[in-house]
Amino acid sequence: MCQIIEKNKLLTLHLMVIILGFTGILGKLISLETTYLVWYRMLIAFIVLLIFLFFKGKIYEIKKEDILPLIGVGAIVALHWLFFFEA
């Protein structure tokens, strides 16, 4: 049983490396302006995470004092993607 779990983790790791490796290539192939590309990427991620938290029942567990730091982290990630796709 442990070997199956370890193989699954290894396959997941390889899949993530492939997906993240193609991010830059796909960014160059998409004809959108960088700001629009990052905006849509962040919007999709926000919606997917919101749906995930809603179905897990954890959306109401987010404390009000944690909202501002979460927005700050989102802004840093958005800046990272802007710089990445502009490079």
N, C-alpha and C. Protein backbone atom coordinates (compact mmCIF):
# COMPACT_ATOMS: atom_id res chain seq x y z
N MET A 1 0.82 -1.20 0.00
CA MET A 1 0.00 0.00 0.00
C MET A 1 0.87 1.26 0.00
N CYS A 2 1.95 1.24 0.77
CA CYS A 2 2.83 2.40 0.86
C CYS A 2 3.51 2.69 -0.47
N GLN A 3 3.86 1.64 -1.21
CA GLN A 3 4.51 1.82 -2.51
C GLN A 3 3.57 2.51 -3.50
N ILE A 4 2.29 2.17 -3.44
CA ILE A 4 1.31 2.79 -4.33
C ILE A 4 1.20 4.28 -4.04
N ILE A 5 1.16 4.62 -2.77
CA ILE A 5 1.07 6.03 -2.38
C ILE A 5 2.32 6.78 -2.82
N GLU A 6 3.49 6.19 -2.62
CA GLU A 6 4.74 6.84 -3.01
C GLU A 6 4.82 7.02 -4.53
N LYS A 7 4.37 6.03 -5.29
CA LYS A 7 4.36 6.16 -6.75
C LYS A 7 3.40 7.25 -7.18
N ASN A 8 2.25 7.33 -6.51
CA ASN A 8 1.27 8.36 -6.83
C ASN A 8 1.85 9.75 -6.56
N LYS A 9 2.55 9.91 -5.47
CA LYS A 9 3.17 11.20 -5.15
C LYS A 9 4.24 11.56 -6.18
N LEU A 10 5.01 10.56 -6.61
CA LEU A 10 6.05 10.79 -7.61
C LEU A 10 5.43 11.18 -8.95
N LEU A 11 4.36 10.52 -9.35
CA LEU A 11 3.68 10.87 -10.60
C LEU A 11 3.07 12.26 -10.52
N THR A 12 2.50 12.60 -9.37
CA THR A 12 1.95 13.94 -9.18
C THR A 12 3.04 15.00 -9.27
N LEU A 13 4.18 14.73 -8.67
CA LEU A 13 5.30 15.66 -8.74
C LEU A 13 5.76 15.86 -10.19
N HIS A 14 5.89 14.78 -10.94
CA HIS A 14 6.30 14.89 -12.33
C HIS A 14 5.28 15.66 -13.17
N LEU A 15 4.00 15.41 -12.92
CA LEU A 15 2.96 16.14 -13.64
C LEU A 15 3.03 17.63 -13.35
N MET A 16 3.24 17.99 -12.10
CA MET A 16 3.33 19.42 -11.73
C MET A 16 4.55 20.08 -12.37
N VAL A 17 5.67 19.36 -12.43
CA VAL A 17 6.87 19.91 -13.07
C VAL A 17 6.62 20.17 -14.55
N ILE A 18 5.94 19.24 -15.20
CA ILE A 18 5.63 19.42 -16.62
C ILE A 18 4.69 20.61 -16.82
N ILE A 19 3.64 20.67 -16.01
CA ILE A 19 2.68 21.78 -16.15
C ILE A 19 3.35 23.12 -15.90
N LEU A 20 4.12 23.22 -14.81
CA LEU A 20 4.78 24.48 -14.50
C LEU A 20 5.87 24.82 -15.50
N GLY A 21 6.48 23.80 -16.09
CA GLY A 21 7.51 24.04 -17.10
C GLY A 21 6.94 24.64 -18.37
N PHE A 22 5.71 24.28 -18.70
CA PHE A 22 5.09 24.79 -19.91
C PHE A 22 4.40 26.14 -19.71
N THR A 23 4.36 26.63 -18.49
CA THR A 23 3.68 27.89 -18.22
C THR A 23 4.28 29.05 -19.01
N GLY A 24 5.59 29.14 -19.01
CA GLY A 24 6.25 30.22 -19.75
C GLY A 24 6.02 30.10 -21.24
N ILE A 25 6.08 28.89 -21.77
CA ILE A 25 5.85 28.67 -23.20
C ILE A 25 4.42 29.05 -23.57
N LEU A 26 3.47 28.61 -22.77
CA LEU A 26 2.07 28.96 -23.04
C LEU A 26 1.84 30.46 -22.92
N GLY A 27 2.54 31.10 -21.99
CA GLY A 27 2.42 32.55 -21.84
C GLY A 27 2.88 33.29 -23.08
N LYS A 28 3.90 32.77 -23.75
CA LYS A 28 4.39 33.39 -24.98
C LYS A 28 3.45 33.12 -26.16
N LEU A 29 2.80 31.94 -26.15
CA LEU A 29 1.93 31.58 -27.26
C LEU A 29 0.57 32.27 -27.19
N ILE A 30 0.14 32.66 -25.99
CA ILE A 30 -1.14 33.34 -25.83
C ILE A 30 -0.97 34.79 -26.26
N SER A 31 -1.89 35.26 -27.10
CA SER A 31 -1.72 36.59 -27.69
C SER A 31 -2.29 37.72 -26.84
N LEU A 32 -2.74 37.43 -25.62
CA LEU A 32 -3.25 38.49 -24.74
C LEU A 32 -2.12 39.35 -24.21
N GLU A 33 -2.45 40.58 -23.89
CA GLU A 33 -1.50 41.46 -23.21
C GLU A 33 -1.24 40.89 -21.81
N THR A 34 -0.06 41.14 -21.28
CA THR A 34 0.35 40.54 -20.01
C THR A 34 -0.62 40.84 -18.88
N THR A 35 -1.06 42.08 -18.77
CA THR A 35 -1.96 42.42 -17.66
C THR A 35 -3.27 41.67 -17.74
N TYR A 36 -3.81 41.51 -18.94
CA TYR A 36 -5.06 40.75 -19.09
C TYR A 36 -4.84 39.27 -18.80
N LEU A 37 -3.71 38.75 -19.25
CA LEU A 37 -3.39 37.34 -19.01
C LEU A 37 -3.32 37.06 -17.51
N VAL A 38 -2.63 37.92 -16.77
CA VAL A 38 -2.49 37.74 -15.32
C VAL A 38 -3.84 37.97 -14.63
N TRP A 39 -4.59 38.96 -15.09
CA TRP A 39 -5.90 39.22 -14.49
C TRP A 39 -6.81 38.00 -14.61
N TYR A 40 -6.91 37.45 -15.80
CA TYR A 40 -7.78 36.28 -16.00
C TYR A 40 -7.25 35.07 -15.22
N ARG A 41 -5.95 34.92 -15.18
CA ARG A 41 -5.35 33.80 -14.43
C ARG A 41 -5.70 33.90 -12.94
N MET A 42 -5.57 35.09 -12.37
CA MET A 42 -5.88 35.29 -10.96
C MET A 42 -7.39 35.16 -10.70
N LEU A 43 -8.21 35.62 -11.63
CA LEU A 43 -9.65 35.52 -11.48
C LEU A 43 -10.09 34.05 -11.48
N ILE A 44 -9.55 33.27 -12.40
CA ILE A 44 -9.88 31.84 -12.45
C ILE A 44 -9.43 31.15 -11.17
N ALA A 45 -8.22 31.45 -10.70
CA ALA A 45 -7.72 30.85 -9.47
C ALA A 45 -8.60 31.24 -8.28
N PHE A 46 -9.02 32.49 -8.22
CA PHE A 46 -9.89 32.96 -7.13
C PHE A 46 -11.21 32.21 -7.13
N ILE A 47 -11.82 32.09 -8.29
CA ILE A 47 -13.12 31.42 -8.39
C ILE A 47 -13.00 29.94 -8.02
N VAL A 48 -11.96 29.27 -8.53
CA VAL A 48 -11.78 27.85 -8.22
C VAL A 48 -11.53 27.64 -6.73
N LEU A 49 -10.69 28.48 -6.12
CA LEU A 49 -10.44 28.36 -4.69
C LEU A 49 -11.69 28.67 -3.86
N LEU A 50 -12.47 29.64 -4.30
CA LEU A 50 -13.71 29.97 -3.60
C LEU A 50 -14.69 28.80 -3.65
N ILE A 51 -14.84 28.18 -4.81
CA ILE A 51 -15.72 27.02 -4.95
C ILE A 51 -15.20 25.86 -4.10
N PHE A 52 -13.88 25.63 -4.13
CA PHE A 52 -13.29 24.57 -3.33
C PHE A 52 -13.55 24.77 -1.85
N LEU A 53 -13.32 25.98 -1.35
CA LEU A 53 -13.56 26.27 0.07
C LEU A 53 -15.03 26.16 0.43
N PHE A 54 -15.90 26.55 -0.50
CA PHE A 54 -17.33 26.46 -0.25
C PHE A 54 -17.77 25.00 -0.10
N PHE A 55 -17.33 24.14 -1.00
CA PHE A 55 -17.73 22.74 -0.94
C PHE A 55 -17.07 22.00 0.23
N LYS A 56 -15.90 22.43 0.66
CA LYS A 56 -15.26 21.83 1.83
C LYS A 56 -15.85 22.35 3.13
N GLY A 57 -16.67 23.40 3.04
CA GLY A 57 -17.27 23.98 4.23
C GLY A 57 -16.31 24.82 5.05
N LYS A 58 -15.21 25.25 4.45
CA LYS A 58 -14.19 26.01 5.18
C LYS A 58 -14.26 27.51 4.89
N ILE A 59 -15.17 27.91 4.03
CA ILE A 59 -15.22 29.32 3.63
C ILE A 59 -15.57 30.23 4.82
N TYR A 60 -16.33 29.71 5.76
CA TYR A 60 -16.74 30.51 6.92
C TYR A 60 -15.71 30.45 8.04
N GLU A 61 -14.66 29.66 7.87
CA GLU A 61 -13.61 29.57 8.88
C GLU A 61 -12.52 30.62 8.70
N ILE A 62 -12.57 31.38 7.61
CA ILE A 62 -11.57 32.43 7.37
C ILE A 62 -11.90 33.60 8.30
N LYS A 63 -10.92 33.98 9.12
CA LYS A 63 -11.12 35.06 10.08
C LYS A 63 -10.99 36.41 9.37
N LYS A 64 -11.66 37.40 9.89
CA LYS A 64 -11.62 38.74 9.28
C LYS A 64 -10.21 39.33 9.29
N GLU A 65 -9.45 39.03 10.33
CA GLU A 65 -8.09 39.60 10.39
C GLU A 65 -7.13 38.90 9.41
N ASP A 66 -7.54 37.77 8.85
CA ASP A 66 -6.70 37.07 7.87
C ASP A 66 -6.96 37.51 6.43
N ILE A 67 -8.01 38.28 6.22
CA ILE A 67 -8.37 38.68 4.85
C ILE A 67 -7.31 39.60 4.24
N LEU A 68 -6.86 40.60 4.99
CA LEU A 68 -5.86 41.54 4.46
C LEU A 68 -4.54 40.85 4.12
N PRO A 69 -4.00 39.98 4.98
CA PRO A 69 -2.79 39.25 4.59
C PRO A 69 -3.00 38.35 3.35
N LEU A 70 -4.18 37.76 3.22
CA LEU A 70 -4.46 36.95 2.05
C LEU A 70 -4.48 37.80 0.78
N ILE A 71 -5.05 38.99 0.86
CA ILE A 71 -5.05 39.90 -0.28
C ILE A 71 -3.62 40.33 -0.61
N GLY A 72 -2.80 40.55 0.43
CA GLY A 72 -1.40 40.91 0.21
C GLY A 72 -0.63 39.82 -0.51
N VAL A 73 -0.84 38.58 -0.10
CA VAL A 73 -0.18 37.45 -0.76
C VAL A 73 -0.65 37.35 -2.21
N GLY A 74 -1.94 37.57 -2.44
CA GLY A 74 -2.47 37.56 -3.81
C GLY A 74 -1.84 38.64 -4.67
N ALA A 75 -1.61 39.82 -4.08
CA ALA A 75 -0.97 40.90 -4.83
C ALA A 75 0.47 40.56 -5.17
N ILE A 76 1.17 39.93 -4.24
CA ILE A 76 2.56 39.51 -4.51
C ILE A 76 2.60 38.47 -5.62
N VAL A 77 1.68 37.52 -5.58
CA VAL A 77 1.62 36.49 -6.63
C VAL A 77 1.29 37.14 -7.97
N ALA A 78 0.36 38.10 -7.99
CA ALA A 78 0.02 38.79 -9.22
C ALA A 78 1.22 39.53 -9.79
N LEU A 79 1.99 40.20 -8.93
CA LEU A 79 3.21 40.87 -9.39
C LEU A 79 4.22 39.88 -9.94
N HIS A 80 4.33 38.74 -9.27
CA HIS A 80 5.25 37.70 -9.75
C HIS A 80 4.87 37.27 -11.16
N TRP A 81 3.58 37.03 -11.40
CA TRP A 81 3.14 36.59 -12.73
C TRP A 81 3.31 37.70 -13.76
N LEU A 82 3.08 38.94 -13.37
CA LEU A 82 3.31 40.05 -14.30
C LEU A 82 4.77 40.09 -14.74
N PHE A 83 5.67 40.02 -13.78
CA PHE A 83 7.10 40.05 -14.12
C PHE A 83 7.51 38.82 -14.91
N PHE A 84 6.96 37.66 -14.55
CA PHE A 84 7.30 36.42 -15.24
C PHE A 84 6.90 36.46 -16.70
N PHE A 85 5.65 36.87 -16.98
CA PHE A 85 5.18 36.89 -18.36
C PHE A 85 5.77 38.04 -19.17
N GLU A 86 6.20 39.09 -18.50
CA GLU A 86 6.85 40.19 -19.23
C GLU A 86 8.29 39.87 -19.59
N ALA A 87 8.90 38.97 -18.82
CA ALA A 87 10.31 38.63 -19.06
C ALA A 87 10.50 37.87 -20.36
